[in-house]
């Protein structure tokens, strides 16, 4: 099982998860052209994308969904509530591309579980994408959590014990506090329905990571209110100082690039 980020940040988000030559996309908030170019950089063919899962309707998560789905006849998986608000934004689709899902479903041979996050959208979801156990392959899971103003009980319930994570470290509290954003926007970002601060995310990871966790990718960093260096240093410091650090001391933590793909991460069996 493998995964990567193809774009990450307020300018656009897309995550790829797959096994062998079958893949699903989580969101496509960049243009179809940019998405295809970034796929080529990690040697993934467009014909291998079997579905697009939408986490919420904000443009930095759905900008290229309609175009990509039409061009390659890819089905789109989203809840009824999300379809209601995003259908006008996606354009005309074939009926069989319109997949209404609830809490759990399968796509590209992987099991997908949706759980609610806390964000200022009609609906907003995180994911746990798992590979079912097979005769020759063990069960593996990637936990995904972006766009949430708080660490929710659903996150604790579904993310604990994942083998890898793509998780939001959106802003540094001091950079946001003293930055140039207007007061209303600062309140929105730092509020219950905004985004996760670096330290918030690290506290969550302390609870979710276990001895089987292999990789963590910090995603959706703010361009104005964070830096990769600050996010990484903050998270690593808090994890290092945890009384559970011996359980996950060898976990590799990295930051997702904003416009280019992260290297393809292959999980160990």
Foldseek 3Di string as FASTA:
>chain_A
DWKWWFAFAPQATWIWDADDLAIEIEFTLDAPVLSCVQCVVQPHHLQRYAEYEYFFQDNRGHVHVLVSCVVNVHAYEYAPQRCVPCVVVNDDHDPVSDHHDDQWDDTRQWIKGWDFAAAPGSTGTWIKIWHDCDPVDGIAIETEEWQFLACDPRCLVPQAPHQEYEYEQAAALVQLVPDDDDPVVSCRQNDGRHTHHLLRVLVSCLRRDFLNHAEYEYGHYHPRGDDQVRSVVNSVVSLVPDPCNVGPVNHYYGYAHRRHMDHMGDGDD
